[in-house]
Amino acid sequence: MDLMTPARTGTAGGAKPRLTVLLAGPRGFCAGVDRAIKIVEEAIRRYGAPVYVRHEIVHNRFVVESLERQGAIFVEELDEVPDDAPVVFSAHGVPKSVPAEASRRKLFYLDATCPLVSKVHREAEHHFARDRHILLIGHAGHPEVVGTMGQLPPGAVTLIEDEQQAREAPVPTERPLAFITQTTLSVDDTAGIVSALKDRFPDIHAPAKEDICYATTNRQSAVKAIAPRAELMVVVGAPNSSNSVRLVEVAQRAGCPKAIMVQRGRDLDPGLADGLGVVGITAGASAPEVLVEEVLARLRERFEVTIEEVVVAEERITFKLPAGLQPA
């Protein structure tokens, strides 16, 4: 069957209409998310429940609720954590004031910050030590941005959210400039912002290797490969997940007529695929594969589904757990 023009109606006798699903690869959990979840699970196993977690460990309610059932308690700030309880910092990273406060209170804490986010933190410190003013490309209020800006004193970092700000935002020019980026941005949007910054500040220092993480880049590339063939793109993810929101945007820009986000299979109206021949499915880096399976099951209620995996990269990256949780 030609995947570009699959059958759109069922056969006589009431058979389900056929639907081709293009399944993006890579999709779902990245190494940083996998490590963060394992840190919470291993902390509960070793130290017993409850283990407190500052902020959602990753932006996915299914994951958060699963950890809550195991004994995790999620809080927004350390003042909600009892003095004798272990606490885990989320994968997005935290300002330096957070571990400083934990140390002041003598709390036992584990830092689940993604190592690729920590890399950006070290870049910021490197530039600051060389008396450079830092431009951070990212989204205001996102926990990763809050954490990165919180590595340095107030005023050391200027946040740049879009190309207009890159061209017009007030920037101190009495010192050399450098830019860093949030790890979960749109690759294409960021390229435009970087280009505008370089046009305005030709001598600006760039990262030795781009800060957008491999998982974000690979998931966006897979969506770009699928989008021109798909009539509907379903992104499994959470509305507060930056990388998941970017996948919806990337699908739309890459030529898919309609792109939606669902958190679980039950959130999908399979009727959206009525009359369609090809649907794409992907998942943000904090969405487990079981939720993709839920979406497929939902579609199978209504359609005879044929799956084609579209794989643009193989991911073999893993990150070690903190020393305190390593196997003996």
C-alpha atoms as a PDB file:
ATOM      1  CA  MET A   1       0.000   0.000   0.000  1.00  0.00           C
ATOM      2  CA  ASP A   2       1.285   3.461  -0.861  1.00  0.00           C
ATOM      3  CA  LEU A   3       1.808   5.198   2.489  1.00  0.00           C
ATOM      4  CA  MET A   4       1.150   8.584   0.928  1.00  0.00           C
ATOM      5  CA  THR A   5      -2.355   7.594  -0.172  1.00  0.00           C
ATOM      6  CA  PRO A   6      -3.607   4.828   2.127  1.00  0.00           C
ATOM      7  CA  ALA A   7      -7.159   3.571   2.042  1.00  0.00           C
ATOM      8  CA  ARG A   8      -9.522   5.963   3.808  1.00  0.00           C
ATOM      9  CA  THR A   9     -12.545   3.772   4.258  1.00  0.00           C
ATOM     10  CA  GLY A  10     -13.209   0.346   5.611  1.00  0.00           C
ATOM     11  CA  THR A  11     -14.212  -2.623   3.486  1.00  0.00           C
ATOM     12  CA  ALA A  12     -17.758  -3.829   3.153  1.00  0.00           C
ATOM     13  CA  GLY A  13     -19.230  -5.444   6.210  1.00  0.00           C
ATOM     14  CA  GLY A  14     -18.311  -2.780   8.694  1.00  0.00           C
ATOM     15  CA  ALA A  15     -14.562  -3.387   8.946  1.00  0.00           C
ATOM     16  CA  LYS A  16     -12.621  -0.610  10.605  1.00  0.00           C
ATOM     17  CA  PRO A  17     -11.080   1.995   8.301  1.00  0.00           C
ATOM     18  CA  ARG A  18      -7.360   1.634   7.826  1.00  0.00           C
ATOM     19  CA  LEU A  19      -4.947   4.142   9.318  1.00  0.00           C
ATOM     20  CA  THR A  20      -1.186   4.358   8.935  1.00  0.00           C
ATOM     21  CA  VAL A  21       0.646   5.619  12.017  1.00  0.00           C
ATOM     22  CA  LEU A  22       4.115   7.081  11.541  1.00  0.00           C
ATOM     23  CA  LEU A  23       5.850   6.560  14.866  1.00  0.00           C
ATOM     24  CA  ALA A  24       8.714   8.972  15.510  1.00  0.00           C
ATOM     25  CA  GLY A  25      12.076   7.704  16.591  1.00  0.00           C
ATOM     26  CA  PRO A  26      13.577   8.818  18.866  1.00  0.00           C
ATOM     27  CA  ARG A  27      10.661   9.750  21.109  1.00  0.00           C
ATOM     28  CA  GLY A  28       9.916   9.776  24.808  1.00  0.00           C
ATOM     29  CA  PHE A  29      12.351   9.544  27.714  1.00  0.00           C
ATOM     30  CA  CYS A  30      15.827  11.009  27.359  1.00  0.00           C
ATOM     31  CA  ALA A  31      18.817  10.016  29.474  1.00  0.00           C
ATOM     32  CA  GLY A  32      18.413  12.989  31.828  1.00  0.00           C
ATOM     33  CA  VAL A  33      14.758  12.220  32.547  1.00  0.00           C
ATOM     34  CA  ASP A  34      15.479   8.519  33.023  1.00  0.00           C
ATOM     35  CA  ARG A  35      18.265   9.350  35.488  1.00  0.00           C
ATOM     36  CA  ALA A  36      16.107  11.812  37.454  1.00  0.00           C
ATOM     37  CA  ILE A  37      13.287   9.296  37.893  1.00  0.00           C
ATOM     38  CA  LYS A  38      15.724   6.589  38.968  1.00  0.00           C
ATOM     39  CA  ILE A  39      17.228   8.959  41.541  1.00  0.00           C
ATOM     40  CA  VAL A  40      13.827   9.417  43.199  1.00  0.00           C
ATOM     41  CA  GLU A  41      12.998   5.705  43.039  1.00  0.00           C
ATOM     42  CA  GLU A  42      16.386   4.677  44.439  1.00  0.00           C
ATOM     43  CA  ALA A  43      16.196   7.300  47.191  1.00  0.00           C
ATOM     44  CA  ILE A  44      12.819   5.903  48.279  1.00  0.00           C
ATOM     45  CA  ARG A  45      14.216   2.372  48.207  1.00  0.00           C
ATOM     46  CA  ARG A  46      17.300   3.260  50.239  1.00  0.00           C
ATOM     47  CA  TYR A  47      15.967   5.805  52.690  1.00  0.00           C
ATOM     48  CA  GLY A  48      12.298   4.896  52.870  1.00  0.00           C
ATOM     49  CA  ALA A  49       9.218   7.005  52.224  1.00  0.00           C
ATOM     50  CA  PRO A  50       8.616   9.828  52.188  1.00  0.00           C
ATOM     51  CA  VAL A  51      11.271  11.389  49.969  1.00  0.00           C
ATOM     52  CA  TYR A  52      10.562  15.021  49.146  1.00  0.00           C
ATOM     53  CA  VAL A  53      11.097  16.400  45.649  1.00  0.00           C
ATOM     54  CA  ARG A  54      11.432  20.114  45.010  1.00  0.00           C
ATOM     55  CA  HIS A  55       9.340  20.901  41.933  1.00  0.00           C
ATOM     56  CA  GLU A  56       8.028  18.237  39.545  1.00  0.00           C
ATOM     57  CA  ILE A  57      10.974  15.899  38.936  1.00  0.00           C
ATOM     58  CA  VAL A  58      10.060  16.084  35.223  1.00  0.00           C
ATOM     59  CA  HIS A  59       7.088  17.749  33.574  1.00  0.00           C
ATOM     60  CA  ASN A  60       4.735  14.795  33.291  1.00  0.00           C
ATOM     61  CA  ARG A  61       1.784  14.136  35.590  1.00  0.00           C
ATOM     62  CA  PHE A  62       1.791  10.372  34.931  1.00  0.00           C
ATOM     63  CA  VAL A  63       5.403  10.167  36.115  1.00  0.00           C
ATOM     64  CA  VAL A  64       4.772  12.432  39.108  1.00  0.00           C
ATOM     65  CA  GLU A  65       1.708  10.468  40.220  1.00  0.00           C
ATOM     66  CA  SER A  66       3.566   7.171  39.810  1.00  0.00           C
ATOM     67  CA  LEU A  67       6.353   8.430  42.082  1.00  0.00           C
ATOM     68  CA  GLU A  68       3.799   9.761  44.573  1.00  0.00           C
ATOM     69  CA  ARG A  69       2.352   6.245  44.846  1.00  0.00           C
ATOM     70  CA  GLN A  70       5.844   4.974  45.670  1.00  0.00           C
ATOM     71  CA  GLY A  71       6.322   7.545  48.435  1.00  0.00           C
ATOM     72  CA  ALA A  72       7.506  10.799  46.864  1.00  0.00           C
ATOM     73  CA  ILE A  73       6.064  14.106  48.069  1.00  0.00           C
ATOM     74  CA  PHE A  74       6.373  17.014  45.640  1.00  0.00           C
ATOM     75  CA  VAL A  75       6.790  20.539  46.963  1.00  0.00           C
ATOM     76  CA  GLU A  76       7.615  23.886  45.415  1.00  0.00           C
ATOM     77  CA  GLU A  77      10.055  25.202  48.029  1.00  0.00           C
ATOM     78  CA  LEU A  78      12.362  23.836  50.707  1.00  0.00           C
ATOM     79  CA  ASP A  79      10.356  25.407  53.542  1.00  0.00           C
ATOM     80  CA  GLU A  80       7.824  22.618  52.934  1.00  0.00           C
ATOM     81  CA  VAL A  81      10.463  19.930  53.644  1.00  0.00           C
ATOM     82  CA  PRO A  82      10.869  18.638  57.234  1.00  0.00           C
ATOM     83  CA  ASP A  83      14.364  18.856  58.711  1.00  0.00           C
ATOM     84  CA  ASP A  84      14.834  15.077  58.899  1.00  0.00           C
ATOM     85  CA  ALA A  85      13.634  14.178  55.384  1.00  0.00           C
ATOM     86  CA  PRO A  86      15.720  13.599  52.239  1.00  0.00           C
ATOM     87  CA  VAL A  87      15.000  15.940  49.323  1.00  0.00           C
ATOM     88  CA  VAL A  88      15.676  15.642  45.586  1.00  0.00           C
ATOM     89  CA  PHE A  89      16.140  18.616  43.236  1.00  0.00           C
ATOM     90  CA  SER A  90      14.386  18.285  39.873  1.00  0.00           C
ATOM     91  CA  ALA A  91      15.981  17.531  36.495  1.00  0.00           C
ATOM     92  CA  HIS A  92      15.552  21.160  35.400  1.00  0.00           C
ATOM     93  CA  GLY A  93      18.216  22.463  37.786  1.00  0.00           C
ATOM     94  CA  VAL A  94      17.957  24.926  40.661  1.00  0.00           C
ATOM     95  CA  PRO A  95      19.475  28.286  41.591  1.00  0.00           C
ATOM     96  CA  LYS A  96      22.547  28.087  43.838  1.00  0.00           C
ATOM     97  CA  SER A  97      20.449  29.511  46.651  1.00  0.00           C
ATOM     98  CA  VAL A  98      18.554  26.208  46.903  1.00  0.00           C
ATOM     99  CA  PRO A  99      21.428  23.841  47.794  1.00  0.00           C
ATOM    100  CA  ALA A 100      22.868  26.643  49.941  1.00  0.00           C
ATOM    101  CA  GLU A 101      19.631  26.751  51.944  1.00  0.00           C
ATOM    102  CA  ALA A 102      19.540  22.943  52.139  1.00  0.00           C
ATOM    103  CA  SER A 103      23.099  22.939  53.493  1.00  0.00           C
ATOM    104  CA  ARG A 104      22.258  25.665  55.999  1.00  0.00           C
ATOM    105  CA  ARG A 105      19.409  23.508  57.311  1.00  0.00           C
ATOM    106  CA  LYS A 106      21.625  20.386  57.176  1.00  0.00           C
ATOM    107  CA  LEU A 107      19.135  18.656  54.889  1.00  0.00           C
ATOM    108  CA  PHE A 108      20.241  15.530  53.076  1.00  0.00           C
ATOM    109  CA  TYR A 109      19.727  16.298  49.405  1.00  0.00           C
ATOM    110  CA  LEU A 110      20.270  14.668  46.027  1.00  0.00           C
ATOM    111  CA  ASP A 111      20.621  16.744  42.869  1.00  0.00           C
ATOM    112  CA  ALA A 112      18.817  15.230  39.870  1.00  0.00           C
ATOM    113  CA  THR A 113      19.735  18.110  37.539  1.00  0.00           C
ATOM    114  CA  CYS A 114      20.283  16.767  34.027  1.00  0.00           C
ATOM    115  CA  PRO A 115      24.034  16.702  33.330  1.00  0.00           C
ATOM    116  CA  LEU A 116      23.421  18.623  30.091  1.00  0.00           C
ATOM    117  CA  VAL A 117      21.733  21.401  32.083  1.00  0.00           C
ATOM    118  CA  SER A 118      24.646  21.346  34.537  1.00  0.00           C
ATOM    119  CA  LYS A 119      26.943  21.808  31.531  1.00  0.00           C
ATOM    120  CA  VAL A 120      25.129  25.071  30.718  1.00  0.00           C
ATOM    121  CA  HIS A 121      25.515  26.148  34.365  1.00  0.00           C
ATOM    122  CA  ARG A 122      29.270  25.591  34.138  1.00  0.00           C
ATOM    123  CA  GLU A 123      29.411  27.563  30.878  1.00  0.00           C
ATOM    124  CA  ALA A 124      27.684  30.484  32.594  1.00  0.00           C
ATOM    125  CA  GLU A 125      30.218  30.377  35.432  1.00  0.00           C
ATOM    126  CA  HIS A 126      33.078  30.171  32.930  1.00  0.00           C
ATOM    127  CA  HIS A 127      31.917  33.308  31.109  1.00  0.00           C
ATOM    128  CA  PHE A 128      31.263  35.162  34.361  1.00  0.00           C
ATOM    129  CA  ALA A 129      34.768  34.339  35.601  1.00  0.00           C
ATOM    130  CA  ARG A 130      36.111  35.927  32.426  1.00  0.00           C
ATOM    131  CA  ASP A 131      34.118  39.092  33.052  1.00  0.00           C
ATOM    132  CA  ARG A 132      31.668  38.513  30.211  1.00  0.00           C
ATOM    133  CA  HIS A 133      28.025  39.556  30.324  1.00  0.00           C
ATOM    134  CA  ILE A 134      25.823  36.581  29.469  1.00  0.00           C
ATOM    135  CA  LEU A 135      22.784  36.479  27.194  1.00  0.00           C
ATOM    136  CA  LEU A 136      20.596  33.476  27.984  1.00  0.00           C
ATOM    137  CA  ILE A 137      18.267  32.383  25.173  1.00  0.00           C
ATOM    138  CA  GLY A 138      15.231  30.825  26.821  1.00  0.00           C
ATOM    139  CA  HIS A 139      11.683  31.178  28.119  1.00  0.00           C
ATOM    140  CA  ALA A 140      11.008  33.426  31.114  1.00  0.00           C
ATOM    141  CA  GLY A 141       9.803  31.561  34.169  1.00  0.00           C
ATOM    142  CA  HIS A 142      10.768  28.080  32.982  1.00  0.00           C
ATOM    143  CA  PRO A 143      12.458  26.204  35.858  1.00  0.00           C
ATOM    144  CA  GLU A 144      15.570  25.553  33.788  1.00  0.00           C
ATOM    145  CA  VAL A 145      15.940  29.264  33.018  1.00  0.00           C
ATOM    146  CA  VAL A 146      15.347  30.194  36.662  1.00  0.00           C
ATOM    147  CA  GLY A 147      17.995  27.679  37.691  1.00  0.00           C
ATOM    148  CA  THR A 148      20.541  28.827  35.120  1.00  0.00           C
ATOM    149  CA  MET A 149      20.128  32.526  35.909  1.00  0.00           C
ATOM    150  CA  GLY A 150      20.365  31.631  39.593  1.00  0.00           C
ATOM    151  CA  GLN A 151      23.915  30.336  39.167  1.00  0.00           C
ATOM    152  CA  LEU A 152      25.176  33.923  39.051  1.00  0.00           C
ATOM    153  CA  PRO A 153      24.552  37.225  40.853  1.00  0.00           C
ATOM    154  CA  PRO A 154      21.572  39.349  39.786  1.00  0.00           C
ATOM    155  CA  GLY A 155      22.319  41.401  36.686  1.00  0.00           C
ATOM    156  CA  ALA A 156      24.952  39.019  35.315  1.00  0.00           C
ATOM    157  CA  VAL A 157      22.532  37.490  32.797  1.00  0.00           C
ATOM    158  CA  THR A 158      20.126  39.060  30.305  1.00  0.00           C
ATOM    159  CA  LEU A 159      17.276  36.811  29.129  1.00  0.00           C
ATOM    160  CA  ILE A 160      16.559  36.814  25.393  1.00  0.00           C
ATOM    161  CA  GLU A 161      13.282  35.145  24.388  1.00  0.00           C
ATOM    162  CA  ASP A 162      12.937  35.874  20.670  1.00  0.00           C
ATOM    163  CA  GLU A 163      14.529  37.507  17.635  1.00  0.00           C
ATOM    164  CA  GLN A 164      13.022  40.906  18.373  1.00  0.00           C
ATOM    165  CA  GLN A 165      14.628  40.920  21.820  1.00  0.00           C
ATOM    166  CA  ALA A 166      17.881  39.720  20.255  1.00  0.00           C
ATOM    167  CA  ARG A 167      17.822  42.796  18.045  1.00  0.00           C
ATOM    168  CA  GLU A 168      16.491  45.358  20.516  1.00  0.00           C
ATOM    169  CA  ALA A 169      16.890  44.323  24.180  1.00  0.00           C
ATOM    170  CA  PRO A 170      19.125  46.640  26.242  1.00  0.00           C
ATOM    171  CA  VAL A 171      22.443  44.853  26.699  1.00  0.00           C
ATOM    172  CA  PRO A 172      25.499  46.145  28.615  1.00  0.00           C
ATOM    173  CA  THR A 173      28.303  46.624  26.108  1.00  0.00           C
ATOM    174  CA  GLU A 174      31.124  47.761  28.370  1.00  0.00           C
ATOM    175  CA  ARG A 175      32.148  44.099  28.808  1.00  0.00           C
ATOM    176  CA  PRO A 176      32.574  41.229  26.310  1.00  0.00           C
ATOM    177  CA  LEU A 177      29.398  39.241  25.619  1.00  0.00           C
ATOM    178  CA  ALA A 178      28.612  35.523  25.509  1.00  0.00           C
ATOM    179  CA  PHE A 179      25.428  33.577  24.912  1.00  0.00           C
ATOM    180  CA  ILE A 180      24.108  30.293  26.281  1.00  0.00           C
ATOM    181  CA  THR A 181      20.734  28.623  25.750  1.00  0.00           C
ATOM    182  CA  GLN A 182      18.039  26.631  27.465  1.00  0.00           C
ATOM    183  CA  THR A 183      18.413  22.963  26.469  1.00  0.00           C
ATOM    184  CA  THR A 184      14.833  22.381  25.272  1.00  0.00           C
ATOM    185  CA  LEU A 185      14.288  25.113  22.688  1.00  0.00           C
ATOM    186  CA  SER A 186      13.214  24.951  19.060  1.00  0.00           C
ATOM    187  CA  VAL A 187      16.362  24.345  17.045  1.00  0.00           C
ATOM    188  CA  ASP A 188      15.126  26.565  14.202  1.00  0.00           C
ATOM    189  CA  ASP A 189      13.910  29.411  16.441  1.00  0.00           C
ATOM    190  CA  THR A 190      17.177  29.397  18.336  1.00  0.00           C
ATOM    191  CA  ALA A 191      19.188  29.532  15.108  1.00  0.00           C
ATOM    192  CA  GLY A 192      17.285  32.687  14.161  1.00  0.00           C
ATOM    193  CA  ILE A 193      17.904  34.284  17.558  1.00  0.00           C
ATOM    194  CA  VAL A 194      21.606  33.394  17.452  1.00  0.00           C
ATOM    195  CA  SER A 195      21.893  34.844  13.949  1.00  0.00           C
ATOM    196  CA  ALA A 196      20.305  38.108  15.135  1.00  0.00           C
ATOM    197  CA  LEU A 197      22.671  38.276  18.120  1.00  0.00           C
ATOM    198  CA  LYS A 198      25.715  37.678  15.931  1.00  0.00           C
ATOM    199  CA  ASP A 199      24.573  40.346  13.496  1.00  0.00           C
ATOM    200  CA  ARG A 200      24.230  42.804  16.372  1.00  0.00           C
ATOM    201  CA  PHE A 201      27.288  41.665  18.346  1.00  0.00           C
ATOM    202  CA  PRO A 202      29.809  40.120  15.905  1.00  0.00           C
ATOM    203  CA  ASP A 203      32.317  39.349  18.670  1.00  0.00           C
ATOM    204  CA  ILE A 204      29.875  37.520  20.976  1.00  0.00           C
ATOM    205  CA  HIS A 205      31.239  34.278  22.428  1.00  0.00           C
ATOM    206  CA  ALA A 206      29.270  31.156  21.452  1.00  0.00           C
ATOM    207  CA  PRO A 207      29.162  27.758  23.184  1.00  0.00           C
ATOM    208  CA  ALA A 208      31.875  25.356  22.030  1.00  0.00           C
ATOM    209  CA  LYS A 209      29.036  22.911  21.370  1.00  0.00           C
ATOM    210  CA  GLU A 210      25.424  23.993  21.135  1.00  0.00           C
ATOM    211  CA  ASP A 211      23.466  23.901  24.379  1.00  0.00           C
ATOM    212  CA  ILE A 212      20.221  22.480  22.965  1.00  0.00           C
ATOM    213  CA  CYS A 213      20.443  18.873  24.071  1.00  0.00           C
ATOM    214  CA  TYR A 214      20.754  15.864  21.789  1.00  0.00           C
ATOM    215  CA  ALA A 215      17.310  14.566  22.792  1.00  0.00           C
ATOM    216  CA  THR A 216      15.533  17.809  21.928  1.00  0.00           C
ATOM    217  CA  THR A 217      17.334  17.984  18.578  1.00  0.00           C
ATOM    218  CA  ASN A 218      16.641  14.341  17.694  1.00  0.00           C
ATOM    219  CA  ARG A 219      12.951  14.501  18.590  1.00  0.00           C
ATOM    220  CA  GLN A 220      12.476  17.628  16.508  1.00  0.00           C
ATOM    221  CA  SER A 221      14.327  16.024  13.581  1.00  0.00           C
ATOM    222  CA  ALA A 222      12.050  12.975  13.739  1.00  0.00           C
ATOM    223  CA  VAL A 223       8.966  15.199  13.687  1.00  0.00           C
ATOM    224  CA  LYS A 224      10.337  17.078  10.676  1.00  0.00           C
ATOM    225  CA  ALA A 225      10.787  13.751   8.873  1.00  0.00           C
ATOM    226  CA  ILE A 226       7.183  12.740   9.569  1.00  0.00           C
ATOM    227  CA  ALA A 227       5.281  16.022   9.304  1.00  0.00           C
ATOM    228  CA  PRO A 228       5.131  16.359   5.499  1.00  0.00           C
ATOM    229  CA  ARG A 229       3.510  12.905   5.250  1.00  0.00           C
ATOM    230  CA  ALA A 230       1.127  13.181   8.205  1.00  0.00           C
ATOM    231  CA  GLU A 231      -2.342  14.747   8.137  1.00  0.00           C
ATOM    232  CA  LEU A 232      -2.421  14.877  11.940  1.00  0.00           C
ATOM    233  CA  MET A 233       0.445  14.874  14.439  1.00  0.00           C
ATOM    234  CA  VAL A 234      -0.198  13.715  17.996  1.00  0.00           C
ATOM    235  CA  VAL A 235       2.426  14.779  20.534  1.00  0.00           C
ATOM    236  CA  VAL A 236       2.290  12.920  23.845  1.00  0.00           C
ATOM    237  CA  GLY A 237       3.447  15.356  26.487  1.00  0.00           C
ATOM    238  CA  ALA A 238       2.516  17.971  29.046  1.00  0.00           C
ATOM    239  CA  PRO A 239       1.575  21.607  28.409  1.00  0.00           C
ATOM    240  CA  ASN A 240       4.256  22.770  30.878  1.00  0.00           C
ATOM    241  CA  SER A 241       6.919  20.678  29.122  1.00  0.00           C
ATOM    242  CA  SER A 242       8.987  23.001  26.938  1.00  0.00           C
ATOM    243  CA  ASN A 243      10.335  20.289  24.675  1.00  0.00           C
ATOM    244  CA  SER A 244       6.835  18.832  24.131  1.00  0.00           C
ATOM    245  CA  VAL A 245       5.328  22.209  23.221  1.00  0.00           C
ATOM    246  CA  ARG A 246       8.173  22.740  20.750  1.00  0.00           C
ATOM    247  CA  LEU A 247       7.308  19.434  19.023  1.00  0.00           C
ATOM    248  CA  VAL A 248       3.783  20.687  18.288  1.00  0.00           C
ATOM    249  CA  GLU A 249       5.220  23.890  16.825  1.00  0.00           C
ATOM    250  CA  VAL A 250       7.824  22.025  14.776  1.00  0.00           C
ATOM    251  CA  ALA A 251       5.170  19.723  13.286  1.00  0.00           C
ATOM    252  CA  GLN A 252       3.038  22.660  12.199  1.00  0.00           C
ATOM    253  CA  ARG A 253       5.963  24.497  10.642  1.00  0.00           C
ATOM    254  CA  ALA A 254       7.181  21.364   8.875  1.00  0.00           C
ATOM    255  CA  GLY A 255       3.957  20.991   6.936  1.00  0.00           C
ATOM    256  CA  CYS A 256       1.558  18.946   9.058  1.00  0.00           C
ATOM    257  CA  PRO A 257      -1.956  20.432   8.678  1.00  0.00           C
ATOM    258  CA  LYS A 258      -2.873  19.811  12.323  1.00  0.00           C
ATOM    259  CA  ALA A 259      -0.791  19.085  15.401  1.00  0.00           C
ATOM    260  CA  ILE A 260      -2.165  18.469  18.895  1.00  0.00           C
ATOM    261  CA  MET A 261      -0.845  17.547  22.323  1.00  0.00           C
ATOM    262  CA  VAL A 262      -2.394  14.943  24.593  1.00  0.00           C
ATOM    263  CA  GLN A 263      -1.192  13.890  28.025  1.00  0.00           C
ATOM    264  CA  ARG A 264      -2.664  10.376  27.850  1.00  0.00           C
ATOM    265  CA  GLY A 265      -4.529   8.100  25.497  1.00  0.00           C
ATOM    266  CA  ARG A 266      -7.840   8.930  27.149  1.00  0.00           C
ATOM    267  CA  ASP A 267      -7.329  12.583  26.184  1.00  0.00           C
ATOM    268  CA  LEU A 268      -7.327  11.780  22.465  1.00  0.00           C
ATOM    269  CA  ASP A 269     -10.545  11.971  20.469  1.00  0.00           C
ATOM    270  CA  PRO A 270      -9.940   9.257  17.835  1.00  0.00           C
ATOM    271  CA  GLY A 271     -12.614  10.896  15.710  1.00  0.00           C
ATOM    272  CA  LEU A 272     -10.009  13.533  14.839  1.00  0.00           C
ATOM    273  CA  ALA A 273      -8.510  10.931  12.503  1.00  0.00           C
ATOM    274  CA  ASP A 274     -11.792  10.168  10.689  1.00  0.00           C
ATOM    275  CA  GLY A 275     -11.228  10.428   6.958  1.00  0.00           C
ATOM    276  CA  LEU A 276      -7.460  10.605   7.346  1.00  0.00           C
ATOM    277  CA  GLY A 277      -4.930   8.147   6.040  1.00  0.00           C
ATOM    278  CA  VAL A 278      -1.734   8.997   7.915  1.00  0.00           C
ATOM    279  CA  VAL A 279      -1.249  10.128  11.517  1.00  0.00           C
ATOM    280  CA  GLY A 280       2.114  10.861  13.142  1.00  0.00           C
ATOM    281  CA  ILE A 281       2.831  10.161  16.800  1.00  0.00           C
ATOM    282  CA  THR A 282       5.732  11.316  18.936  1.00  0.00           C
ATOM    283  CA  ALA A 283       6.371  11.934  22.634  1.00  0.00           C
ATOM    284  CA  GLY A 284       8.235  14.605  24.536  1.00  0.00           C
ATOM    285  CA  ALA A 285      11.389  13.730  26.454  1.00  0.00           C
ATOM    286  CA  SER A 286       9.523  13.426  29.776  1.00  0.00           C
ATOM    287  CA  ALA A 287       6.700  11.172  28.469  1.00  0.00           C
ATOM    288  CA  PRO A 288       7.062   7.411  29.077  1.00  0.00           C
ATOM    289  CA  GLU A 289       6.454   4.912  26.285  1.00  0.00           C
ATOM    290  CA  VAL A 290       3.411   3.482  28.078  1.00  0.00           C
ATOM    291  CA  LEU A 291       1.560   6.718  27.230  1.00  0.00           C
ATOM    292  CA  VAL A 292       2.386   6.276  23.531  1.00  0.00           C
ATOM    293  CA  GLU A 293       0.947   2.772  23.794  1.00  0.00           C
ATOM    294  CA  GLU A 294      -2.215   4.273  25.291  1.00  0.00           C
ATOM    295  CA  VAL A 295      -2.597   6.582  22.287  1.00  0.00           C
ATOM    296  CA  LEU A 296      -2.104   3.685  19.875  1.00  0.00           C
ATOM    297  CA  ALA A 297      -4.691   1.635  21.768  1.00  0.00           C
ATOM    298  CA  ARG A 298      -7.116   4.542  21.551  1.00  0.00           C
ATOM    299  CA  LEU A 299      -6.692   4.729  17.783  1.00  0.00           C
ATOM    300  CA  ARG A 300      -7.101   0.954  17.455  1.00  0.00           C
ATOM    301  CA  GLU A 301     -10.556   1.251  19.016  1.00  0.00           C
ATOM    302  CA  ARG A 302     -11.660   2.969  15.804  1.00  0.00           C
ATOM    303  CA  PHE A 303      -9.150   2.027  13.103  1.00  0.00           C
ATOM    304  CA  GLU A 304      -7.174  -0.851  11.664  1.00  0.00           C
ATOM    305  CA  VAL A 305      -3.752   0.557  12.481  1.00  0.00           C
ATOM    306  CA  THR A 306      -0.549  -0.104  10.556  1.00  0.00           C
ATOM    307  CA  ILE A 307       2.593   1.228  12.230  1.00  0.00           C
ATOM    308  CA  GLU A 308       5.671   2.493  10.428  1.00  0.00           C
ATOM    309  CA  GLU A 309       8.575   3.635  12.585  1.00  0.00           C
ATOM    310  CA  VAL A 310      10.512   6.608  11.212  1.00  0.00           C
ATOM    311  CA  VAL A 311      13.894   6.607  12.955  1.00  0.00           C
ATOM    312  CA  VAL A 312      16.314   9.478  12.364  1.00  0.00           C
ATOM    313  CA  ALA A 313      18.853   8.719  15.119  1.00  0.00           C
ATOM    314  CA  GLU A 314      19.835   6.021  17.586  1.00  0.00           C
ATOM    315  CA  GLU A 315      20.328   7.144  21.197  1.00  0.00           C
ATOM    316  CA  ARG A 316      22.675   5.202  23.469  1.00  0.00           C
ATOM    317  CA  ILE A 317      23.497   7.932  25.989  1.00  0.00           C
ATOM    318  CA  THR A 318      23.102   7.112  29.682  1.00  0.00           C
ATOM    319  CA  PHE A 319      23.972   9.128  32.782  1.00  0.00           C
ATOM    320  CA  LYS A 320      25.237   7.661  36.051  1.00  0.00           C
ATOM    321  CA  LEU A 321      23.364   8.124  39.304  1.00  0.00           C
ATOM    322  CA  PRO A 322      24.937  10.396  41.954  1.00  0.00           C
ATOM    323  CA  ALA A 323      27.726   8.794  43.975  1.00  0.00           C
ATOM    324  CA  GLY A 324      25.469   8.358  47.017  1.00  0.00           C
ATOM    325  CA  LEU A 325      23.105   6.129  45.039  1.00  0.00           C
ATOM    326  CA  GLN A 326      25.636   4.061  43.106  1.00  0.00           C
ATOM    327  CA  PRO A 327      25.457   0.284  43.721  1.00  0.00           C
ATOM    328  CA  ALA A 328      27.890  -0.849  46.384  1.00  0.00           C
END
